[in-house]
Amino acid sequence: MADLFADDVPQSAGPDAPSEDAPLADRLRPRSLAEVIGQDHVTGPEGAIGRMIAAGKLSSLVLWGPPGTGKTSIARLLAAEVGMRYEAVSAVFSGVADLKKAFATAETAKKAGQRTLLFVDEIHRFNRAQQDGFLPFVERGVVTLIGATTENPSFELNAALLSRAQVLILHRLDAEALGQLLDRAEELEGPLPLSPEARDALIASADGDGRFLLNQAETLYNAKIDEPLNPAALGQFLQRRVAVYDKDREGHYNLISALHKAVRGSDPQAALYYMARMLVAGEEPLFVARRLIRMAVEDIGMADPGALTQCVAAKDTYQFLGSPEGELALVQACLYLATAPKSNAVYKAQKAAWKSARETGSLMPPMNIVNAPTKLMKDAGYGAGYSYDHDAEDGFSGDNYWPDEMEPQEFYQPVERGFERKVRERLDYWARLRSQRGG
């Protein structure tokens, strides 16, 4: 087995037992990795951490997961498991001086034959320069870094730091895992004053956060409630948890992506659900309105031109009424989009036209359709041969409008759905006339 586990390495005594008056969540912290709930895919024998322990080779890690999923507990228990010094800093409360002190202490410990596991909570809150400061100490083996973050490391951590650490994803706790936490609480404190239905409601309100669940349970214990509460009474007693949602971070982009794809996939029920998730969690309604307008032109377009009108009207209505009344207009627009015929023909036409414009540069339009405001320009042939379409049969001249050096292109190709079916018929009709007139 590697030196990391050798007998001459001073062993940690494990996490200190919390005092009797400590919060319930602290008193129920797992005492070994085997007691960690809901993260067997990481901590179990077949998980990354389990395999590292079995191989006797611990590498730096980034633990990425929602709040209350056990990141801090896993780091503390891992240090105890492998007999390393455990030192913790928080990016919220620590600065450069704290980091220098932690590294200096780790250097001293290394000279004495003991390695240090440095746990950095909320590591994404350190700026890029501070994150770079970890690199030499990680590379020289002064510390084994365990970072914890609730944010996507791909966006929030330096590439150099990510290349030296393995990212492990922790899952939000499901109902079964949260139920096990309540079981442990009841073994310690006695039955919760809840009906079975209220117990389920309490678990659902935790939104996957074990720490929050235990804090709510502790509130119930401290209240000394005589009769079991039903769900309605529980809802009155406990404040409802606000959904976890960071408006400038990954949750923001995940939900707007889900809303957009549900609209595109013509699932109005799912679209309304994701819109509700965003607005209930505090998203700016006008941001949602802007995204709906984008969906109207990208995914529906000319298949139903009324979609854009609906969305702009919804935006105006919300600005006029405000919340919560104005949000009903956003709901109507969302449902209109999700139930409308879909076409990305306008979107594809824009991409194709922009590409062609970049490639063809500054080609001159044909002389028959350029402006001729002066006699000199008229004498030079500007505007010569222009056919005024309203004077032509069927109101259609069939003239050529493309530069002489360029073949006519077909950027916009309407689909056989919704209003674009009629547009397709019009284009086919004009194509026939143009062919007949030699245009």
Protein backbone atom coordinates (compact mmCIF):
# COMPACT_ATOMS: atom_id res chain seq x y z
CA MET A 1 0.00 0.00 0.00
CA ALA A 2 1.19 3.53 -0.75
CA ASP A 3 2.99 5.72 1.79
CA LEU A 4 -0.21 7.67 2.20
CA PHE A 5 -1.49 4.86 4.42
CA ALA A 6 1.80 3.81 6.00
CA ASP A 7 1.84 3.14 9.74
CA ASP A 8 4.39 5.88 10.39
CA VAL A 9 2.07 8.56 9.04
CA PRO A 10 0.23 10.24 11.95
CA GLN A 11 -3.40 9.17 11.75
CA SER A 12 -6.33 11.47 12.20
CA ALA A 13 -8.67 10.59 15.01
CA GLY A 14 -11.60 11.33 12.75
CA PRO A 15 -14.18 14.07 13.04
CA ASP A 16 -14.72 15.37 16.55
CA ALA A 17 -18.04 14.41 18.11
CA PRO A 18 -20.41 17.42 18.18
CA SER A 19 -21.65 18.75 21.51
CA GLU A 20 -25.12 17.84 22.75
CA ASP A 21 -26.38 21.38 22.11
CA ALA A 22 -25.08 21.46 18.52
CA PRO A 23 -27.64 21.80 15.71
CA LEU A 24 -29.35 18.57 14.71
CA ALA A 25 -27.65 18.60 11.29
CA ASP A 26 -24.23 18.64 13.01
CA ARG A 27 -25.17 15.89 15.45
CA LEU A 28 -26.29 13.71 12.55
CA ARG A 29 -23.20 14.24 10.42
CA PRO A 30 -21.95 10.87 9.15
CA ARG A 31 -19.04 9.39 11.10
CA SER A 32 -17.70 7.42 8.16
CA LEU A 33 -17.96 7.49 4.39
CA ALA A 34 -20.21 4.42 4.61
CA GLU A 35 -22.76 6.56 6.46
CA VAL A 36 -22.95 9.23 3.74
CA ILE A 37 -26.45 9.12 2.27
CA GLY A 38 -27.34 9.41 -1.38
CA GLN A 39 -23.83 9.53 -2.89
CA ASP A 40 -22.89 5.86 -3.26
CA HIS A 41 -21.90 6.51 -6.87
CA VAL A 42 -18.98 8.54 -5.47
CA THR A 43 -18.27 7.21 -1.96
CA GLY A 44 -19.18 3.54 -2.42
CA PRO A 45 -16.67 0.76 -3.26
CA GLU A 46 -17.26 1.26 -6.99
CA GLY A 47 -17.25 5.05 -6.79
CA ALA A 48 -14.25 7.26 -7.55
CA ILE A 49 -13.46 7.93 -3.89
CA GLY A 50 -13.95 4.30 -2.93
CA ARG A 51 -11.54 3.22 -5.66
CA MET A 52 -8.96 5.82 -4.60
CA ILE A 53 -9.05 4.58 -1.03
CA ALA A 54 -8.74 0.96 -2.17
CA ALA A 55 -5.78 1.84 -4.41
CA GLY A 56 -4.10 3.95 -1.73
CA LYS A 57 -3.79 6.89 -4.09
CA LEU A 58 -5.73 10.07 -3.38
CA SER A 59 -5.78 12.85 -6.00
CA SER A 60 -7.12 16.37 -5.81
CA LEU A 61 -10.87 16.60 -6.28
CA VAL A 62 -13.64 19.08 -6.98
CA LEU A 63 -16.98 18.09 -5.43
CA TRP A 64 -19.77 19.67 -7.47
CA GLY A 65 -23.34 19.46 -6.27
CA PRO A 66 -26.35 21.32 -4.85
CA PRO A 67 -26.42 22.61 -1.26
CA GLY A 68 -26.90 20.05 1.49
CA THR A 69 -25.61 17.02 -0.43
CA GLY A 70 -22.65 16.21 1.82
CA LYS A 71 -19.65 17.92 0.22
CA THR A 72 -18.14 19.13 3.50
CA SER A 73 -18.82 15.84 5.28
CA ILE A 74 -17.20 13.83 2.49
CA ALA A 75 -14.04 15.95 2.63
CA ARG A 76 -13.71 15.64 6.45
CA LEU A 77 -14.35 11.92 6.39
CA LEU A 78 -11.94 11.38 3.52
CA ALA A 79 -9.14 13.04 5.50
CA ALA A 80 -9.88 10.77 8.46
CA GLU A 81 -10.08 7.71 6.20
CA VAL A 82 -6.61 8.23 4.75
CA GLY A 83 -4.93 9.66 7.86
CA MET A 84 -4.24 13.13 6.52
CA ARG A 85 -4.25 16.48 8.28
CA TYR A 86 -7.54 18.23 7.59
CA GLU A 87 -7.57 21.95 7.07
CA ALA A 88 -10.52 23.92 5.77
CA VAL A 89 -10.92 27.41 4.34
CA SER A 90 -13.97 29.11 2.90
CA ALA A 91 -13.75 31.32 -0.13
CA VAL A 92 -16.52 33.41 1.40
CA PHE A 93 -14.58 34.28 4.56
CA SER A 94 -10.92 33.71 3.62
CA GLY A 95 -8.46 35.92 1.80
CA VAL A 96 -4.91 35.69 0.51
CA ALA A 97 -3.44 35.88 4.02
CA ASP A 98 -5.52 32.87 5.13
CA LEU A 99 -4.38 30.86 2.14
CA LYS A 100 -0.71 31.72 2.73
CA LYS A 101 -1.05 30.62 6.34
CA ALA A 102 -2.71 27.34 5.31
CA PHE A 103 0.03 26.60 2.77
CA ALA A 104 2.80 27.45 5.23
CA THR A 105 1.29 25.13 7.85
CA ALA A 106 0.98 22.39 5.23
CA GLU A 107 4.65 22.86 4.24
CA THR A 108 5.69 22.40 7.86
CA ALA A 109 3.48 19.32 8.23
CA LYS A 110 4.95 17.81 5.05
CA LYS A 111 8.48 18.17 6.43
CA ALA A 112 7.28 16.31 9.54
CA GLY A 113 6.01 13.47 7.34
CA GLN A 114 2.32 14.30 7.29
CA ARG A 115 0.34 15.30 4.24
CA THR A 116 -2.50 17.82 4.31
CA LEU A 117 -5.96 17.61 2.79
CA LEU A 118 -7.00 21.21 2.17
CA PHE A 119 -10.75 21.62 1.85
CA VAL A 120 -11.85 24.81 0.09
CA ASP A 121 -15.55 25.49 0.42
CA GLU A 122 -17.26 27.60 -2.27
CA ILE A 123 -14.02 27.44 -4.28
CA HIS A 124 -15.71 29.12 -7.25
CA ARG A 125 -15.84 32.36 -5.26
CA PHE A 126 -12.05 32.74 -5.45
CA ASN A 127 -11.05 34.83 -8.45
CA ARG A 128 -8.86 33.50 -11.26
CA ALA A 129 -5.62 34.80 -9.77
CA GLN A 130 -6.40 33.25 -6.38
CA GLN A 131 -7.24 29.94 -8.03
CA ASP A 132 -3.90 30.03 -9.85
CA GLY A 133 -2.25 30.41 -6.45
CA PHE A 134 -3.23 26.83 -5.56
CA LEU A 135 -1.36 25.30 -8.49
CA PRO A 136 2.26 25.19 -7.24
CA PHE A 137 1.24 23.72 -3.89
CA VAL A 138 -0.91 21.06 -5.56
CA GLU A 139 1.85 20.23 -8.06
CA ARG A 140 4.51 19.88 -5.34
CA GLY A 141 2.26 17.70 -3.20
CA VAL A 142 2.16 20.19 -0.34
CA VAL A 143 -1.63 19.79 -0.24
CA THR A 144 -4.21 17.52 -1.74
CA LEU A 145 -6.96 19.91 -2.72
CA ILE A 146 -10.63 19.11 -2.23
CA GLY A 147 -12.76 21.95 -3.56
CA ALA A 148 -16.51 22.21 -3.10
CA THR A 149 -18.78 24.17 -5.40
CA THR A 150 -22.46 24.49 -6.19
CA GLU A 151 -21.62 25.99 -9.60
CA ASN A 152 -20.57 24.34 -12.83
CA PRO A 153 -16.76 24.02 -12.63
CA SER A 154 -16.50 24.35 -16.41
CA PHE A 155 -17.62 27.97 -16.09
CA GLU A 156 -16.29 28.95 -12.67
CA LEU A 157 -12.86 27.30 -12.27
CA ASN A 158 -9.63 27.84 -14.15
CA ALA A 159 -8.78 25.28 -16.80
CA ALA A 160 -5.33 24.85 -15.22
CA LEU A 161 -6.89 23.98 -11.88
CA LEU A 162 -9.44 21.64 -13.46
CA SER A 163 -6.66 19.79 -15.29
CA ARG A 164 -5.12 18.90 -11.92
CA ALA A 165 -8.31 17.82 -10.16
CA GLN A 166 -10.98 15.23 -10.85
CA VAL A 167 -14.51 16.60 -10.82
CA LEU A 168 -17.02 14.42 -8.95
CA ILE A 169 -20.71 15.23 -9.31
CA LEU A 170 -22.88 14.86 -6.20
CA HIS A 171 -26.60 14.31 -6.71
CA ARG A 172 -29.40 16.19 -5.03
CA LEU A 173 -30.89 13.88 -2.42
CA ASP A 174 -33.98 12.03 -3.59
CA ALA A 175 -37.04 11.30 -1.45
CA GLU A 176 -35.64 7.95 -0.29
CA ALA A 177 -32.34 9.48 0.87
CA LEU A 178 -34.13 12.35 2.63
CA GLY A 179 -36.41 9.81 4.30
CA GLN A 180 -33.34 8.02 5.64
CA LEU A 181 -32.12 11.31 7.13
CA LEU A 182 -35.44 11.77 8.91
CA ASP A 183 -35.22 8.18 10.15
CA ARG A 184 -31.86 9.00 11.75
CA ALA A 185 -33.28 12.16 13.27
CA GLU A 186 -36.17 10.21 14.78
CA GLU A 187 -33.82 7.58 16.18
CA LEU A 188 -32.02 10.40 18.01
CA GLU A 189 -34.89 12.72 18.95
CA GLY A 190 -38.03 10.61 18.76
CA PRO A 191 -40.96 10.64 16.31
CA LEU A 192 -41.67 13.83 14.44
CA PRO A 193 -45.09 15.38 15.19
CA LEU A 194 -46.30 14.74 11.65
CA SER A 195 -48.87 12.62 9.89
CA PRO A 196 -47.43 10.32 7.17
CA GLU A 197 -48.70 12.73 4.52
CA ALA A 198 -47.12 15.71 6.29
CA ARG A 199 -43.84 13.81 6.58
CA ASP A 200 -43.88 13.34 2.80
CA ALA A 201 -44.65 17.02 2.36
CA LEU A 202 -41.72 17.97 4.59
CA ILE A 203 -39.41 15.81 2.47
CA ALA A 204 -40.72 17.36 -0.75
CA SER A 205 -40.19 20.88 0.61
CA ALA A 206 -36.47 20.19 1.13
CA ASP A 207 -35.83 20.22 -2.62
CA GLY A 208 -33.00 17.69 -2.25
CA ASP A 209 -31.19 19.62 0.52
CA GLY A 210 -30.47 17.37 3.51
CA ARG A 211 -29.24 20.19 5.73
CA PHE A 212 -32.40 22.19 5.16
CA LEU A 213 -34.55 19.16 5.92
CA LEU A 214 -32.83 18.54 9.25
CA ASN A 215 -33.09 22.21 10.19
CA GLN A 216 -36.84 22.08 9.53
CA ALA A 217 -37.12 18.90 11.58
CA GLU A 218 -35.26 20.57 14.43
CA THR A 219 -37.71 23.48 14.32
CA LEU A 220 -40.56 20.99 14.72
CA TYR A 221 -38.87 19.28 17.68
CA ASN A 222 -38.18 22.58 19.43
CA ALA A 223 -41.82 23.65 19.08
CA LYS A 224 -43.01 20.82 21.37
CA ILE A 225 -46.10 20.14 19.24
CA ASP A 226 -48.64 17.87 20.97
CA GLU A 227 -50.70 16.54 18.04
CA PRO A 228 -49.36 15.39 14.67
CA LEU A 229 -49.64 18.04 11.98
CA ASN A 230 -51.32 17.37 8.66
CA PRO A 231 -49.86 18.88 5.43
CA ALA A 232 -51.98 22.02 5.65
CA ALA A 233 -50.99 22.68 9.26
CA LEU A 234 -47.35 21.97 8.44
CA GLY A 235 -47.48 24.50 5.61
CA GLN A 236 -48.79 27.14 8.01
CA PHE A 237 -46.19 26.31 10.64
CA LEU A 238 -43.09 26.21 8.42
CA GLN A 239 -42.12 28.83 5.89
CA ARG A 240 -42.05 27.41 2.39
CA ARG A 241 -38.54 26.94 1.02
CA VAL A 242 -37.62 29.18 -1.92
CA ALA A 243 -36.50 27.14 -4.90
CA VAL A 244 -32.74 26.95 -5.41
CA TYR A 245 -32.03 29.17 -8.40
CA ASP A 246 -29.13 31.47 -9.20
CA LYS A 247 -30.21 33.93 -11.85
CA ASP A 248 -26.69 34.42 -13.23
CA ARG A 249 -25.46 30.84 -13.00
CA GLU A 250 -26.03 27.36 -14.33
CA GLY A 251 -29.54 26.83 -12.92
CA HIS A 252 -30.62 29.92 -14.86
CA TYR A 253 -29.35 28.52 -18.16
CA ASN A 254 -30.60 24.99 -17.51
CA LEU A 255 -34.18 26.11 -16.95
CA ILE A 256 -34.37 28.56 -19.84
CA SER A 257 -32.92 25.83 -22.07
CA ALA A 258 -35.56 23.41 -20.83
CA LEU A 259 -38.32 25.97 -21.44
CA HIS A 260 -37.08 26.68 -24.97
CA LYS A 261 -36.82 23.00 -25.88
CA ALA A 262 -40.26 22.20 -24.44
CA VAL A 263 -41.77 24.98 -26.57
CA ARG A 264 -39.88 23.76 -29.64
CA GLY A 265 -41.08 20.22 -28.90
CA SER A 266 -44.74 21.38 -28.73
CA ASP A 267 -45.22 20.29 -25.10
CA PRO A 268 -47.25 23.13 -23.53
CA GLN A 269 -47.51 21.39 -20.16
CA ALA A 270 -43.73 21.00 -19.72
CA ALA A 271 -43.14 24.51 -21.10
CA LEU A 272 -45.51 25.99 -18.53
CA TYR A 273 -43.83 23.98 -15.76
CA TYR A 274 -40.35 25.33 -16.55
CA MET A 275 -41.67 28.87 -16.89
CA ALA A 276 -43.30 28.49 -13.47
CA ARG A 277 -40.05 27.15 -12.01
CA MET A 278 -38.23 30.26 -13.18
CA LEU A 279 -40.81 32.83 -12.13
CA VAL A 280 -41.55 31.23 -8.75
CA ALA A 281 -37.81 31.21 -8.03
CA GLY A 282 -37.53 34.94 -8.74
CA GLU A 283 -36.45 35.19 -12.37
CA GLU A 284 -37.01 38.60 -13.94
CA PRO A 285 -40.27 38.24 -15.96
CA LEU A 286 -39.00 40.50 -18.73
CA PHE A 287 -36.07 38.13 -19.26
CA VAL A 288 -38.62 35.36 -19.83
CA ALA A 289 -40.56 37.66 -22.18
CA ARG A 290 -37.41 38.34 -24.22
CA ARG A 291 -36.72 34.63 -24.54
CA LEU A 292 -40.30 33.96 -25.63
CA ILE A 293 -39.91 36.56 -28.37
CA ARG A 294 -36.75 34.83 -29.50
CA MET A 295 -38.57 31.48 -29.62
CA ALA A 296 -41.34 33.07 -31.71
CA VAL A 297 -38.94 34.08 -34.46
CA GLU A 298 -36.53 31.15 -34.22
CA ASP A 299 -38.84 28.15 -33.89
CA ILE A 300 -42.18 29.33 -35.31
CA GLY A 301 -41.49 32.25 -37.61
CA MET A 302 -43.72 32.37 -40.68
CA ALA A 303 -45.47 29.12 -39.77
CA ASP A 304 -47.58 31.37 -37.52
CA PRO A 305 -46.69 35.08 -37.82
CA GLY A 306 -49.13 35.78 -35.00
CA ALA A 307 -46.70 34.18 -32.54
CA LEU A 308 -44.42 37.22 -32.59
CA THR A 309 -47.39 39.55 -32.15
CA GLN A 310 -48.58 37.52 -29.17
CA CYS A 311 -45.18 37.66 -27.49
CA VAL A 312 -44.64 41.38 -28.01
CA ALA A 313 -48.16 42.00 -26.70
CA ALA A 314 -47.39 39.83 -23.66
CA LYS A 315 -44.26 41.88 -22.98
CA ASP A 316 -46.24 45.13 -23.26
CA THR A 317 -49.00 43.73 -21.04
CA TYR A 318 -46.55 42.70 -18.34
CA GLN A 319 -44.91 46.14 -18.39
CA PHE A 320 -48.35 47.73 -18.08
CA LEU A 321 -49.77 45.48 -15.33
CA GLY A 322 -46.68 44.28 -13.47
CA SER A 323 -46.66 41.20 -11.24
CA PRO A 324 -48.57 39.08 -10.59
CA GLU A 325 -51.36 40.05 -13.03
CA GLY A 326 -49.04 40.62 -15.95
CA GLU A 327 -47.53 37.15 -15.65
CA LEU A 328 -50.76 35.71 -17.03
CA ALA A 329 -49.94 37.34 -20.36
CA LEU A 330 -46.57 35.57 -20.35
CA VAL A 331 -48.37 32.29 -19.69
CA GLN A 332 -50.67 32.91 -22.65
CA ALA A 333 -47.72 33.67 -24.91
CA CYS A 334 -45.89 30.56 -23.72
CA LEU A 335 -48.89 28.34 -24.42
CA TYR A 336 -49.44 30.01 -27.81
CA LEU A 337 -45.85 29.24 -28.82
CA ALA A 338 -45.92 25.66 -27.57
CA THR A 339 -49.16 24.89 -29.45
CA ALA A 340 -48.24 26.76 -32.67
CA PRO A 341 -46.98 25.02 -35.83
CA LYS A 342 -43.19 24.99 -35.84
CA SER A 343 -40.72 26.12 -38.48
CA ASN A 344 -37.13 27.26 -38.31
CA ALA A 345 -37.14 28.28 -41.99
CA VAL A 346 -36.76 31.98 -41.11
CA TYR A 347 -33.87 31.17 -38.76
CA LYS A 348 -32.13 29.05 -41.41
CA ALA A 349 -32.76 31.67 -44.07
CA GLN A 350 -31.06 34.32 -41.93
CA LYS A 351 -28.00 32.11 -41.37
CA ALA A 352 -27.71 31.28 -45.06
CA ALA A 353 -28.20 34.89 -46.21
CA TRP A 354 -25.64 36.24 -43.73
CA LYS A 355 -23.12 33.62 -44.88
CA SER A 356 -23.66 34.51 -48.53
CA ALA A 357 -23.37 38.24 -47.81
CA ARG A 358 -19.99 37.72 -46.11
CA GLU A 359 -18.73 35.57 -48.98
CA THR A 360 -19.86 37.80 -51.89
CA GLY A 361 -18.55 41.06 -50.49
CA SER A 362 -19.66 44.21 -52.34
CA LEU A 363 -21.24 42.93 -55.55
CA MET A 364 -23.23 45.61 -57.36
CA PRO A 365 -26.98 45.00 -57.72
CA PRO A 366 -28.15 44.73 -61.34
CA MET A 367 -28.49 48.11 -63.05
CA ASN A 368 -32.26 47.85 -63.48
CA ILE A 369 -32.90 48.09 -59.72
CA VAL A 370 -30.27 50.61 -58.55
CA ASN A 371 -31.26 54.15 -57.72
CA ALA A 372 -30.77 56.91 -60.30
CA PRO A 373 -31.30 60.26 -58.54
CA THR A 374 -29.16 62.31 -60.98
CA LYS A 375 -29.10 62.78 -64.78
CA LEU A 376 -25.49 61.58 -64.88
CA MET A 377 -26.47 58.30 -63.23
CA LYS A 378 -29.43 57.85 -65.56
CA ASP A 379 -27.16 58.46 -68.54
CA ALA A 380 -24.76 55.85 -67.13
CA GLY A 381 -27.55 53.27 -67.23
CA TYR A 382 -28.59 53.32 -63.59
CA GLY A 383 -32.20 52.12 -63.30
CA ALA A 384 -32.43 51.31 -67.00
CA GLY A 385 -34.94 48.62 -67.87
CA TYR A 386 -36.69 48.59 -64.50
CA SER A 387 -40.19 47.08 -64.66
CA TYR A 388 -42.75 48.55 -62.27
CA ASP A 389 -44.43 45.39 -60.96
CA HIS A 390 -47.82 47.03 -60.36
CA ASP A 391 -48.05 47.78 -64.08
CA ALA A 392 -47.29 44.15 -65.03
CA GLU A 393 -49.82 41.37 -65.52
CA ASP A 394 -50.70 39.75 -62.19
CA GLY A 395 -48.68 42.49 -60.45
CA PHE A 396 -45.50 40.50 -61.13
CA SER A 397 -42.76 41.47 -63.58
CA GLY A 398 -40.47 38.47 -63.13
CA ASP A 399 -37.37 40.68 -63.38
CA ASN A 400 -33.95 39.58 -62.13
CA TYR A 401 -32.91 41.18 -58.83
CA TRP A 402 -29.56 39.39 -58.27
CA PRO A 403 -26.06 40.77 -58.99
CA ASP A 404 -24.91 39.86 -62.50
CA GLU A 405 -21.97 37.87 -61.05
CA MET A 406 -24.20 35.76 -58.82
CA GLU A 407 -26.70 33.01 -59.44
CA PRO A 408 -30.10 33.40 -57.75
CA GLN A 409 -30.12 31.78 -54.32
CA GLU A 410 -32.86 30.12 -52.27
CA PHE A 411 -32.26 31.05 -48.63
CA TYR A 412 -35.85 30.87 -47.41
CA GLN A 413 -37.52 27.48 -47.85
CA PRO A 414 -40.90 27.43 -46.07
CA VAL A 415 -42.14 24.17 -44.62
CA GLU A 416 -45.47 22.47 -45.29
CA ARG A 417 -46.86 23.48 -41.88
CA GLY A 418 -49.13 26.26 -40.69
CA PHE A 419 -49.16 29.56 -42.56
CA GLU A 420 -45.93 28.67 -44.36
CA ARG A 421 -47.87 26.17 -46.47
CA LYS A 422 -49.62 29.17 -48.07
CA VAL A 423 -46.29 30.97 -48.40
CA ARG A 424 -44.90 27.93 -50.20
CA GLU A 425 -47.80 28.06 -52.62
CA ARG A 426 -47.09 31.74 -53.35
CA LEU A 427 -43.42 31.10 -53.99
CA ASP A 428 -44.21 28.20 -56.30
CA TYR A 429 -46.73 30.40 -58.17
CA TRP A 430 -44.19 33.20 -58.70
CA ALA A 431 -41.57 30.65 -59.77
CA ARG A 432 -43.92 29.40 -62.49
CA LEU A 433 -44.64 32.95 -63.72
CA ARG A 434 -40.93 33.81 -63.71
CA SER A 435 -40.20 30.68 -65.75
CA GLN A 436 -42.94 31.52 -68.26
CA ARG A 437 -41.65 35.09 -68.69
CA GLY A 438 -38.01 34.07 -68.97
CA GLY A 439 -37.00 35.82 -65.75
